[in-house]
Amino acid sequence: MAASFKELILCLFFMTSVVLFIPAYSLSKKFTTSYFDEAFSRLYGDQNLIVLKEGKSVRISLDEHTGCGFKSRSTYQYAFFSTSVKLPAANYTAGVVVTFYTSNGDVYKDSHDELDFEFLGHANNGSWVLQTNLYGNGSIGRGREERYSLPFDPSENFHNYSILWTEKTTVFYVDYVPIRVTQKVEAMAGDYPSKPMSLYATIWNGSDWATGGGKYKVDYTYAPFVSQYSNFVLQACSNSDCDDSLTTEERNKMKEFRSKYVTYSYCVDSKRYPIPLPECKNDSF
């Protein structure tokens, strides 16, 4: 069937406006994936890190001796970060925390910035929980956590997780669908991350808080807990590279995801924050 006039106009608009809007999937495809040893250095637990597949994938694990982690060789001030992750497959992963996050805590001990993807393990054939968070200028006393169930088992296959961080907006994506947008507002002051950060990935024992508020602990009879990462993208953003606007389609997909899968948001936790934090007025919540 021949394309309608409207469809042709939309197609032409997209072809001529990629500088004005580049969705997460296009960003991932636009930028070259990085070789592990070129982009990262080993942080700890070296014996639990194995580089795979011609140097572009890595496997890290947690056992009774140590966890494991790695860190980008470069720092970035506003960037697009992306990776595909496959989480540990076990009937019991309580207390296990797998991460993909940015931080500058090694440089700014008391005033660090941070953007987090955290995967929290489960007890007794449960489901992994995804948590996102955002800190600026050491504002850890004002946690901005959100938690989500996922519409898939993240231990069965690789899934993509991305962060687009610009001067005014941070977007978290799962499989190229935006799931959270935090827009900087004046009242946030230094709470919005603004200083150069490194990219990290780790697996560690978070038994004191990760599952059931610390009720369920890591059981090393199920170890090693193995997580795999692939398809790394680390790209500093100029204004033309990483527009942080969302299309109507992306906003609709985000609204649908949030209506189905958000299980906790600090923005609607009136016991914790009787007066919502200033960015919560944004219509993303």
C-alpha atoms as a PDB file:
ATOM      1  CA  MET A   1       0.000   0.000   0.000  1.00  0.00           C
ATOM      2  CA  ALA A   2       1.376   3.385  -0.943  1.00  0.00           C
ATOM      3  CA  ALA A   3       2.536   5.627   1.885  1.00  0.00           C
ATOM      4  CA  SER A   4       0.236   8.504   2.784  1.00  0.00           C
ATOM      5  CA  PHE A   5       1.280  12.115   2.384  1.00  0.00           C
ATOM      6  CA  LYS A   6       1.531  12.424   6.173  1.00  0.00           C
ATOM      7  CA  GLU A   7       3.787   9.368   6.388  1.00  0.00           C
ATOM      8  CA  LEU A   8       6.074  10.760   3.710  1.00  0.00           C
ATOM      9  CA  ILE A   9       6.299  14.103   5.477  1.00  0.00           C
ATOM     10  CA  LEU A  10       7.125  12.390   8.784  1.00  0.00           C
ATOM     11  CA  CYS A  11       9.776  10.294   7.085  1.00  0.00           C
ATOM     12  CA  LEU A  12      11.376  13.346   5.488  1.00  0.00           C
ATOM     13  CA  PHE A  13      11.232  15.196   8.791  1.00  0.00           C
ATOM     14  CA  PHE A  14      13.046  12.393  10.580  1.00  0.00           C
ATOM     15  CA  MET A  15      15.683  12.107   7.871  1.00  0.00           C
ATOM     16  CA  THR A  16      16.450  15.806   8.007  1.00  0.00           C
ATOM     17  CA  SER A  17      16.265  16.307  11.763  1.00  0.00           C
ATOM     18  CA  VAL A  18      18.566  13.731  13.323  1.00  0.00           C
ATOM     19  CA  VAL A  19      20.627  16.526  14.816  1.00  0.00           C
ATOM     20  CA  LEU A  20      17.532  17.817  16.599  1.00  0.00           C
ATOM     21  CA  PHE A  21      16.479  14.459  17.984  1.00  0.00           C
ATOM     22  CA  ILE A  22      18.381  11.179  18.313  1.00  0.00           C
ATOM     23  CA  PRO A  23      16.579   8.459  20.324  1.00  0.00           C
ATOM     24  CA  ALA A  24      18.517   6.087  22.540  1.00  0.00           C
ATOM     25  CA  TYR A  25      18.531   3.245  20.017  1.00  0.00           C
ATOM     26  CA  SER A  26      20.009   5.541  17.371  1.00  0.00           C
ATOM     27  CA  LEU A  27      22.586   6.821  19.831  1.00  0.00           C
ATOM     28  CA  SER A  28      23.685   3.272  20.618  1.00  0.00           C
ATOM     29  CA  LYS A  29      24.028   2.486  16.922  1.00  0.00           C
ATOM     30  CA  LYS A  30      25.658   5.822  16.075  1.00  0.00           C
ATOM     31  CA  PHE A  31      28.515   5.513  18.530  1.00  0.00           C
ATOM     32  CA  THR A  32      31.129   2.780  18.280  1.00  0.00           C
ATOM     33  CA  THR A  33      31.110   0.108  20.968  1.00  0.00           C
ATOM     34  CA  SER A  34      34.262   0.044  23.063  1.00  0.00           C
ATOM     35  CA  TYR A  35      36.821  -2.673  23.680  1.00  0.00           C
ATOM     36  CA  PHE A  36      36.941  -3.463  27.370  1.00  0.00           C
ATOM     37  CA  ASP A  37      40.678  -3.000  27.907  1.00  0.00           C
ATOM     38  CA  GLU A  38      40.681   0.290  25.969  1.00  0.00           C
ATOM     39  CA  ALA A  39      37.752   1.803  27.858  1.00  0.00           C
ATOM     40  CA  PHE A  40      38.044   0.292  31.347  1.00  0.00           C
ATOM     41  CA  SER A  41      40.472  -0.636  34.083  1.00  0.00           C
ATOM     42  CA  ARG A  42      39.931  -3.344  36.678  1.00  0.00           C
ATOM     43  CA  LEU A  43      38.771  -2.008  40.015  1.00  0.00           C
ATOM     44  CA  TYR A  44      38.892  -5.006  42.389  1.00  0.00           C
ATOM     45  CA  GLY A  45      38.373  -8.757  42.401  1.00  0.00           C
ATOM     46  CA  ASP A  46      40.606  -9.210  39.376  1.00  0.00           C
ATOM     47  CA  GLN A  47      40.435 -13.001  39.663  1.00  0.00           C
ATOM     48  CA  ASN A  48      36.649 -12.783  39.171  1.00  0.00           C
ATOM     49  CA  LEU A  49      36.796 -10.827  35.898  1.00  0.00           C
ATOM     50  CA  ILE A  50      37.086 -12.535  32.508  1.00  0.00           C
ATOM     51  CA  VAL A  51      37.182 -10.648  29.199  1.00  0.00           C
ATOM     52  CA  LEU A  52      35.231 -12.428  26.424  1.00  0.00           C
ATOM     53  CA  LYS A  53      34.335 -12.238  22.736  1.00  0.00           C
ATOM     54  CA  GLU A  54      37.256 -10.427  21.141  1.00  0.00           C
ATOM     55  CA  GLY A  55      37.508  -8.014  24.023  1.00  0.00           C
ATOM     56  CA  LYS A  56      34.068  -6.382  23.866  1.00  0.00           C
ATOM     57  CA  SER A  57      32.315  -8.409  26.572  1.00  0.00           C
ATOM     58  CA  VAL A  58      33.209  -9.156  30.163  1.00  0.00           C
ATOM     59  CA  ARG A  59      32.065 -11.547  32.875  1.00  0.00           C
ATOM     60  CA  ILE A  60      32.256 -10.590  36.551  1.00  0.00           C
ATOM     61  CA  SER A  61      31.298 -12.670  39.545  1.00  0.00           C
ATOM     62  CA  LEU A  62      30.686 -12.698  43.284  1.00  0.00           C
ATOM     63  CA  ASP A  63      31.841 -15.634  45.416  1.00  0.00           C
ATOM     64  CA  GLU A  64      32.615 -16.216  49.081  1.00  0.00           C
ATOM     65  CA  HIS A  65      36.020 -14.547  48.640  1.00  0.00           C
ATOM     66  CA  THR A  66      35.234 -11.330  46.775  1.00  0.00           C
ATOM     67  CA  GLY A  67      33.028  -9.382  44.457  1.00  0.00           C
ATOM     68  CA  CYS A  68      34.317  -7.667  41.346  1.00  0.00           C
ATOM     69  CA  GLY A  69      34.226  -4.374  39.507  1.00  0.00           C
ATOM     70  CA  PHE A  70      35.661  -2.190  36.769  1.00  0.00           C
ATOM     71  CA  LYS A  71      35.867   1.527  36.020  1.00  0.00           C
ATOM     72  CA  SER A  72      36.197   3.665  32.917  1.00  0.00           C
ATOM     73  CA  ARG A  73      39.658   5.001  32.152  1.00  0.00           C
ATOM     74  CA  SER A  74      38.201   8.409  31.266  1.00  0.00           C
ATOM     75  CA  THR A  75      35.859  10.783  33.039  1.00  0.00           C
ATOM     76  CA  TYR A  76      32.873  12.424  31.350  1.00  0.00           C
ATOM     77  CA  GLN A  77      30.907  15.597  31.937  1.00  0.00           C
ATOM     78  CA  TYR A  78      27.550  14.951  30.267  1.00  0.00           C
ATOM     79  CA  ALA A  79      27.480  11.814  28.184  1.00  0.00           C
ATOM     80  CA  PHE A  80      25.595   8.824  26.842  1.00  0.00           C
ATOM     81  CA  PHE A  81      26.396   5.487  28.516  1.00  0.00           C
ATOM     82  CA  SER A  82      25.005   2.146  27.403  1.00  0.00           C
ATOM     83  CA  THR A  83      25.591  -1.555  27.900  1.00  0.00           C
ATOM     84  CA  SER A  84      23.839  -4.896  27.583  1.00  0.00           C
ATOM     85  CA  VAL A  85      23.686  -6.928  30.794  1.00  0.00           C
ATOM     86  CA  LYS A  86      22.754 -10.503  31.631  1.00  0.00           C
ATOM     87  CA  LEU A  87      22.225 -11.007  35.354  1.00  0.00           C
ATOM     88  CA  PRO A  88      23.147 -14.056  37.460  1.00  0.00           C
ATOM     89  CA  ALA A  89      20.866 -17.019  36.896  1.00  0.00           C
ATOM     90  CA  ALA A  90      20.130 -18.798  40.162  1.00  0.00           C
ATOM     91  CA  ASN A  91      17.037 -19.722  42.139  1.00  0.00           C
ATOM     92  CA  TYR A  92      18.340 -17.612  45.011  1.00  0.00           C
ATOM     93  CA  THR A  93      20.264 -14.359  44.514  1.00  0.00           C
ATOM     94  CA  ALA A  94      19.204 -12.511  47.667  1.00  0.00           C
ATOM     95  CA  GLY A  95      21.681  -9.880  48.819  1.00  0.00           C
ATOM     96  CA  VAL A  96      23.461  -9.767  45.448  1.00  0.00           C
ATOM     97  CA  VAL A  97      23.798  -6.295  43.930  1.00  0.00           C
ATOM     98  CA  VAL A  98      24.804  -5.805  40.291  1.00  0.00           C
ATOM     99  CA  THR A  99      25.444  -2.244  39.112  1.00  0.00           C
ATOM    100  CA  PHE A 100      26.020   0.024  36.133  1.00  0.00           C
ATOM    101  CA  TYR A 101      26.546   3.576  37.363  1.00  0.00           C
ATOM    102  CA  THR A 102      28.511   6.815  37.218  1.00  0.00           C
ATOM    103  CA  SER A 103      30.265   8.452  40.151  1.00  0.00           C
ATOM    104  CA  ASN A 104      33.046  10.829  41.119  1.00  0.00           C
ATOM    105  CA  GLY A 105      33.260   9.707  44.741  1.00  0.00           C
ATOM    106  CA  ASP A 106      36.954   8.934  44.347  1.00  0.00           C
ATOM    107  CA  VAL A 107      37.633  12.626  43.636  1.00  0.00           C
ATOM    108  CA  TYR A 108      34.889  14.419  45.572  1.00  0.00           C
ATOM    109  CA  LYS A 109      34.721  12.437  48.802  1.00  0.00           C
ATOM    110  CA  ASP A 110      32.171  14.668  50.540  1.00  0.00           C
ATOM    111  CA  SER A 111      30.386  16.168  47.543  1.00  0.00           C
ATOM    112  CA  HIS A 112      30.144  13.397  44.986  1.00  0.00           C
ATOM    113  CA  ASP A 113      27.667  13.009  42.124  1.00  0.00           C
ATOM    114  CA  GLU A 114      26.134   9.703  41.050  1.00  0.00           C
ATOM    115  CA  LEU A 115      23.693   8.136  38.569  1.00  0.00           C
ATOM    116  CA  ASP A 116      22.716   4.524  39.289  1.00  0.00           C
ATOM    117  CA  PHE A 117      21.324   1.402  37.754  1.00  0.00           C
ATOM    118  CA  GLU A 118      21.238  -1.172  40.576  1.00  0.00           C
ATOM    119  CA  PHE A 119      19.894  -4.712  40.189  1.00  0.00           C
ATOM    120  CA  LEU A 120      18.798  -6.250  43.470  1.00  0.00           C
ATOM    121  CA  GLY A 121      18.710 -10.013  43.899  1.00  0.00           C
ATOM    122  CA  HIS A 122      15.759 -12.153  44.953  1.00  0.00           C
ATOM    123  CA  ALA A 123      14.931 -14.951  47.380  1.00  0.00           C
ATOM    124  CA  ASN A 124      13.322 -18.297  46.535  1.00  0.00           C
ATOM    125  CA  ASN A 125      12.681 -18.076  42.789  1.00  0.00           C
ATOM    126  CA  GLY A 126      11.597 -14.448  42.997  1.00  0.00           C
ATOM    127  CA  SER A 127      12.339 -11.692  40.501  1.00  0.00           C
ATOM    128  CA  TRP A 128      15.190  -9.236  40.173  1.00  0.00           C
ATOM    129  CA  VAL A 129      14.349  -5.656  41.163  1.00  0.00           C
ATOM    130  CA  LEU A 130      15.749  -2.701  39.236  1.00  0.00           C
ATOM    131  CA  GLN A 131      16.553   0.475  41.158  1.00  0.00           C
ATOM    132  CA  THR A 132      17.630   3.852  39.765  1.00  0.00           C
ATOM    133  CA  ASN A 133      19.007   6.733  41.772  1.00  0.00           C
ATOM    134  CA  LEU A 134      20.507  10.191  41.363  1.00  0.00           C
ATOM    135  CA  TYR A 135      22.766  12.216  43.650  1.00  0.00           C
ATOM    136  CA  GLY A 136      24.424  15.588  43.246  1.00  0.00           C
ATOM    137  CA  ASN A 137      27.010  17.288  45.412  1.00  0.00           C
ATOM    138  CA  GLY A 138      26.892  14.648  48.140  1.00  0.00           C
ATOM    139  CA  SER A 139      23.114  14.842  48.614  1.00  0.00           C
ATOM    140  CA  ILE A 140      22.870  11.257  49.884  1.00  0.00           C
ATOM    141  CA  GLY A 141      20.530  12.384  52.652  1.00  0.00           C
ATOM    142  CA  ARG A 142      17.948  13.147  49.963  1.00  0.00           C
ATOM    143  CA  GLY A 143      17.829   9.848  48.127  1.00  0.00           C
ATOM    144  CA  ARG A 144      15.943   9.864  44.840  1.00  0.00           C
ATOM    145  CA  GLU A 145      15.372   6.140  44.459  1.00  0.00           C
ATOM    146  CA  GLU A 146      12.893   4.496  42.150  1.00  0.00           C
ATOM    147  CA  ARG A 147      12.316   0.747  41.935  1.00  0.00           C
ATOM    148  CA  TYR A 148      10.773  -1.299  39.156  1.00  0.00           C
ATOM    149  CA  SER A 149       9.742  -4.809  38.340  1.00  0.00           C
ATOM    150  CA  LEU A 150      10.754  -5.848  34.836  1.00  0.00           C
ATOM    151  CA  PRO A 151       8.628  -7.296  32.002  1.00  0.00           C
ATOM    152  CA  PHE A 152      11.257  -9.989  31.378  1.00  0.00           C
ATOM    153  CA  ASP A 153      13.678 -12.222  33.255  1.00  0.00           C
ATOM    154  CA  PRO A 154      16.986 -10.274  33.086  1.00  0.00           C
ATOM    155  CA  SER A 155      18.964 -13.444  33.801  1.00  0.00           C
ATOM    156  CA  GLU A 156      17.765 -15.300  30.690  1.00  0.00           C
ATOM    157  CA  ASN A 157      19.094 -12.953  28.003  1.00  0.00           C
ATOM    158  CA  PHE A 158      21.006  -9.735  27.532  1.00  0.00           C
ATOM    159  CA  HIS A 159      19.015  -6.504  27.843  1.00  0.00           C
ATOM    160  CA  ASN A 160      20.146  -2.956  27.195  1.00  0.00           C
ATOM    161  CA  TYR A 161      20.436  -0.301  29.894  1.00  0.00           C
ATOM    162  CA  SER A 162      21.360   3.284  29.032  1.00  0.00           C
ATOM    163  CA  ILE A 163      21.829   6.654  30.724  1.00  0.00           C
ATOM    164  CA  LEU A 164      21.653   9.931  28.852  1.00  0.00           C
ATOM    165  CA  TRP A 165      23.065  12.688  31.069  1.00  0.00           C
ATOM    166  CA  THR A 166      22.983  16.278  29.878  1.00  0.00           C
ATOM    167  CA  GLU A 167      23.309  19.625  31.581  1.00  0.00           C
ATOM    168  CA  LYS A 168      19.558  19.878  32.140  1.00  0.00           C
ATOM    169  CA  THR A 169      18.117  16.373  31.909  1.00  0.00           C
ATOM    170  CA  THR A 170      18.924  12.774  32.845  1.00  0.00           C
ATOM    171  CA  VAL A 171      17.104   9.899  31.120  1.00  0.00           C
ATOM    172  CA  PHE A 172      17.286   6.232  32.141  1.00  0.00           C
ATOM    173  CA  TYR A 173      16.400   3.653  29.450  1.00  0.00           C
ATOM    174  CA  VAL A 174      15.654  -0.078  29.478  1.00  0.00           C
ATOM    175  CA  ASP A 175      15.838  -1.701  26.051  1.00  0.00           C
ATOM    176  CA  TYR A 176      15.787   1.814  24.547  1.00  0.00           C
ATOM    177  CA  VAL A 177      12.507   2.707  26.266  1.00  0.00           C
ATOM    178  CA  PRO A 178      12.806   5.718  28.606  1.00  0.00           C
ATOM    179  CA  ILE A 179      11.687   4.702  32.086  1.00  0.00           C
ATOM    180  CA  ARG A 180      12.666   7.790  34.068  1.00  0.00           C
ATOM    181  CA  VAL A 181      13.355  11.430  33.270  1.00  0.00           C
ATOM    182  CA  THR A 182      14.789  13.826  35.842  1.00  0.00           C
ATOM    183  CA  GLN A 183      14.863  17.429  34.721  1.00  0.00           C
ATOM    184  CA  LYS A 184      17.069  19.898  36.533  1.00  0.00           C
ATOM    185  CA  VAL A 185      15.071  22.665  38.187  1.00  0.00           C
ATOM    186  CA  GLU A 186      16.507  25.715  39.902  1.00  0.00           C
ATOM    187  CA  ALA A 187      15.353  24.605  43.358  1.00  0.00           C
ATOM    188  CA  MET A 188      17.473  21.431  43.110  1.00  0.00           C
ATOM    189  CA  ALA A 189      20.581  23.621  43.356  1.00  0.00           C
ATOM    190  CA  GLY A 190      23.589  21.306  43.680  1.00  0.00           C
ATOM    191  CA  ASP A 191      21.492  18.153  43.963  1.00  0.00           C
ATOM    192  CA  TYR A 192      21.663  17.691  40.182  1.00  0.00           C
ATOM    193  CA  PRO A 193      24.881  15.906  39.063  1.00  0.00           C
ATOM    194  CA  SER A 194      27.155  18.335  37.252  1.00  0.00           C
ATOM    195  CA  LYS A 195      30.780  17.359  37.830  1.00  0.00           C
ATOM    196  CA  PRO A 196      32.815  14.945  35.649  1.00  0.00           C
ATOM    197  CA  MET A 197      32.203  11.297  36.501  1.00  0.00           C
ATOM    198  CA  SER A 198      33.618   7.870  35.715  1.00  0.00           C
ATOM    199  CA  LEU A 199      31.506   4.891  34.648  1.00  0.00           C
ATOM    200  CA  TYR A 200      31.497   1.822  36.887  1.00  0.00           C
ATOM    201  CA  ALA A 201      30.121  -1.713  36.909  1.00  0.00           C
ATOM    202  CA  THR A 202      30.272  -3.973  39.962  1.00  0.00           C
ATOM    203  CA  ILE A 203      28.846  -7.055  41.644  1.00  0.00           C
ATOM    204  CA  TRP A 204      28.932  -7.218  45.442  1.00  0.00           C
ATOM    205  CA  ASN A 205      27.329  -8.425  48.669  1.00  0.00           C
ATOM    206  CA  GLY A 206      24.565  -6.025  49.731  1.00  0.00           C
ATOM    207  CA  SER A 207      23.018  -8.346  52.302  1.00  0.00           C
ATOM    208  CA  ASP A 208      22.439  -5.539  54.777  1.00  0.00           C
ATOM    209  CA  TRP A 209      19.823  -3.826  52.574  1.00  0.00           C
ATOM    210  CA  ALA A 210      19.331  -5.222  49.069  1.00  0.00           C
ATOM    211  CA  THR A 211      16.608  -7.879  49.496  1.00  0.00           C
ATOM    212  CA  GLY A 212      13.680  -7.442  51.836  1.00  0.00           C
ATOM    213  CA  GLY A 213      15.435  -4.546  53.526  1.00  0.00           C
ATOM    214  CA  GLY A 214      18.215  -6.892  54.636  1.00  0.00           C
ATOM    215  CA  LYS A 215      15.966  -9.762  55.714  1.00  0.00           C
ATOM    216  CA  TYR A 216      17.437 -12.140  53.122  1.00  0.00           C
ATOM    217  CA  LYS A 217      21.218 -12.555  52.933  1.00  0.00           C
ATOM    218  CA  VAL A 218      23.623 -13.834  50.308  1.00  0.00           C
ATOM    219  CA  ASP A 219      23.813 -17.639  50.348  1.00  0.00           C
ATOM    220  CA  TYR A 220      27.158 -18.677  48.896  1.00  0.00           C
ATOM    221  CA  THR A 221      26.002 -22.251  48.322  1.00  0.00           C
ATOM    222  CA  TYR A 222      24.507 -20.756  45.121  1.00  0.00           C
ATOM    223  CA  ALA A 223      27.772 -19.041  44.169  1.00  0.00           C
ATOM    224  CA  PRO A 224      29.431 -18.025  41.996  1.00  0.00           C
ATOM    225  CA  PHE A 225      26.944 -15.342  40.979  1.00  0.00           C
ATOM    226  CA  VAL A 226      27.951 -14.365  37.443  1.00  0.00           C
ATOM    227  CA  SER A 227      26.929 -11.258  35.515  1.00  0.00           C
ATOM    228  CA  GLN A 228      27.898 -10.487  31.923  1.00  0.00           C
ATOM    229  CA  TYR A 229      28.257  -7.110  30.201  1.00  0.00           C
ATOM    230  CA  SER A 230      28.562  -6.399  26.484  1.00  0.00           C
ATOM    231  CA  ASN A 231      28.174  -3.654  23.856  1.00  0.00           C
ATOM    232  CA  PHE A 232      29.652  -0.788  25.860  1.00  0.00           C
ATOM    233  CA  VAL A 233      29.047   2.752  24.659  1.00  0.00           C
ATOM    234  CA  LEU A 234      30.734   5.650  26.449  1.00  0.00           C
ATOM    235  CA  GLN A 235      30.284   8.880  24.546  1.00  0.00           C
ATOM    236  CA  ALA A 236      30.795  12.443  25.691  1.00  0.00           C
ATOM    237  CA  CYS A 237      27.962  14.553  24.357  1.00  0.00           C
ATOM    238  CA  SER A 238      28.016  17.797  22.489  1.00  0.00           C
ATOM    239  CA  ASN A 239      24.668  19.510  22.028  1.00  0.00           C
ATOM    240  CA  SER A 240      24.278  18.050  18.540  1.00  0.00           C
ATOM    241  CA  ASP A 241      25.152  14.512  19.635  1.00  0.00           C
ATOM    242  CA  CYS A 242      22.777  13.992  22.520  1.00  0.00           C
ATOM    243  CA  ASP A 243      19.558  15.937  22.438  1.00  0.00           C
ATOM    244  CA  ASP A 244      17.633  15.053  25.569  1.00  0.00           C
ATOM    245  CA  SER A 245      14.142  15.678  24.204  1.00  0.00           C
ATOM    246  CA  LEU A 246      11.731  12.768  23.840  1.00  0.00           C
ATOM    247  CA  THR A 247       9.360  12.047  21.002  1.00  0.00           C
ATOM    248  CA  THR A 248       5.652  11.649  21.628  1.00  0.00           C
ATOM    249  CA  GLU A 249       6.080   7.921  21.030  1.00  0.00           C
ATOM    250  CA  GLU A 250       8.840   7.697  23.630  1.00  0.00           C
ATOM    251  CA  ARG A 251       6.784   9.626  26.176  1.00  0.00           C
ATOM    252  CA  ASN A 252       3.851   7.303  25.592  1.00  0.00           C
ATOM    253  CA  LYS A 253       6.067   4.241  26.028  1.00  0.00           C
ATOM    254  CA  MET A 254       7.506   5.698  29.206  1.00  0.00           C
ATOM    255  CA  LYS A 255       4.051   6.415  30.572  1.00  0.00           C
ATOM    256  CA  GLU A 256       2.984   2.841  29.824  1.00  0.00           C
ATOM    257  CA  PHE A 257       6.120   1.355  31.405  1.00  0.00           C
ATOM    258  CA  ARG A 258       5.780   3.454  34.531  1.00  0.00           C
ATOM    259  CA  SER A 259       2.102   2.657  34.946  1.00  0.00           C
ATOM    260  CA  LYS A 260       2.877  -1.077  34.883  1.00  0.00           C
ATOM    261  CA  TYR A 261       6.270  -1.505  36.488  1.00  0.00           C
ATOM    262  CA  VAL A 262       7.127   1.274  38.956  1.00  0.00           C
ATOM    263  CA  THR A 263       6.874  -0.219  42.437  1.00  0.00           C
ATOM    264  CA  TYR A 264       8.346   2.694  44.399  1.00  0.00           C
ATOM    265  CA  SER A 265       9.113   6.351  43.705  1.00  0.00           C
ATOM    266  CA  TYR A 266      10.461   8.853  46.189  1.00  0.00           C
ATOM    267  CA  CYS A 267       8.236  11.451  44.554  1.00  0.00           C
ATOM    268  CA  VAL A 268       5.088   9.868  45.976  1.00  0.00           C
ATOM    269  CA  ASP A 269       6.515   8.779  49.322  1.00  0.00           C
ATOM    270  CA  SER A 270       4.751  11.300  51.558  1.00  0.00           C
ATOM    271  CA  LYS A 271       6.061   9.713  54.761  1.00  0.00           C
ATOM    272  CA  ARG A 272       9.629  10.206  53.666  1.00  0.00           C
ATOM    273  CA  TYR A 273       9.099  13.541  51.955  1.00  0.00           C
ATOM    274  CA  PRO A 274       5.950  15.321  53.257  1.00  0.00           C
ATOM    275  CA  ILE A 275       6.923  18.101  50.868  1.00  0.00           C
ATOM    276  CA  PRO A 276       7.965  16.472  47.573  1.00  0.00           C
ATOM    277  CA  LEU A 277      11.420  17.306  46.258  1.00  0.00           C
ATOM    278  CA  PRO A 278      11.283  20.117  43.691  1.00  0.00           C
ATOM    279  CA  GLU A 279      11.766  18.092  40.507  1.00  0.00           C
ATOM    280  CA  CYS A 280       8.800  15.870  41.419  1.00  0.00           C
ATOM    281  CA  LYS A 281       6.447  18.413  39.899  1.00  0.00           C
ATOM    282  CA  ASN A 282       7.668  17.197  36.538  1.00  0.00           C
ATOM    283  CA  ASP A 283       4.966  15.263  34.663  1.00  0.00           C
ATOM    284  CA  SER A 284       7.226  12.191  34.383  1.00  0.00           C
ATOM    285  CA  PHE A 285       6.092  11.067  37.839  1.00  0.00           C
END
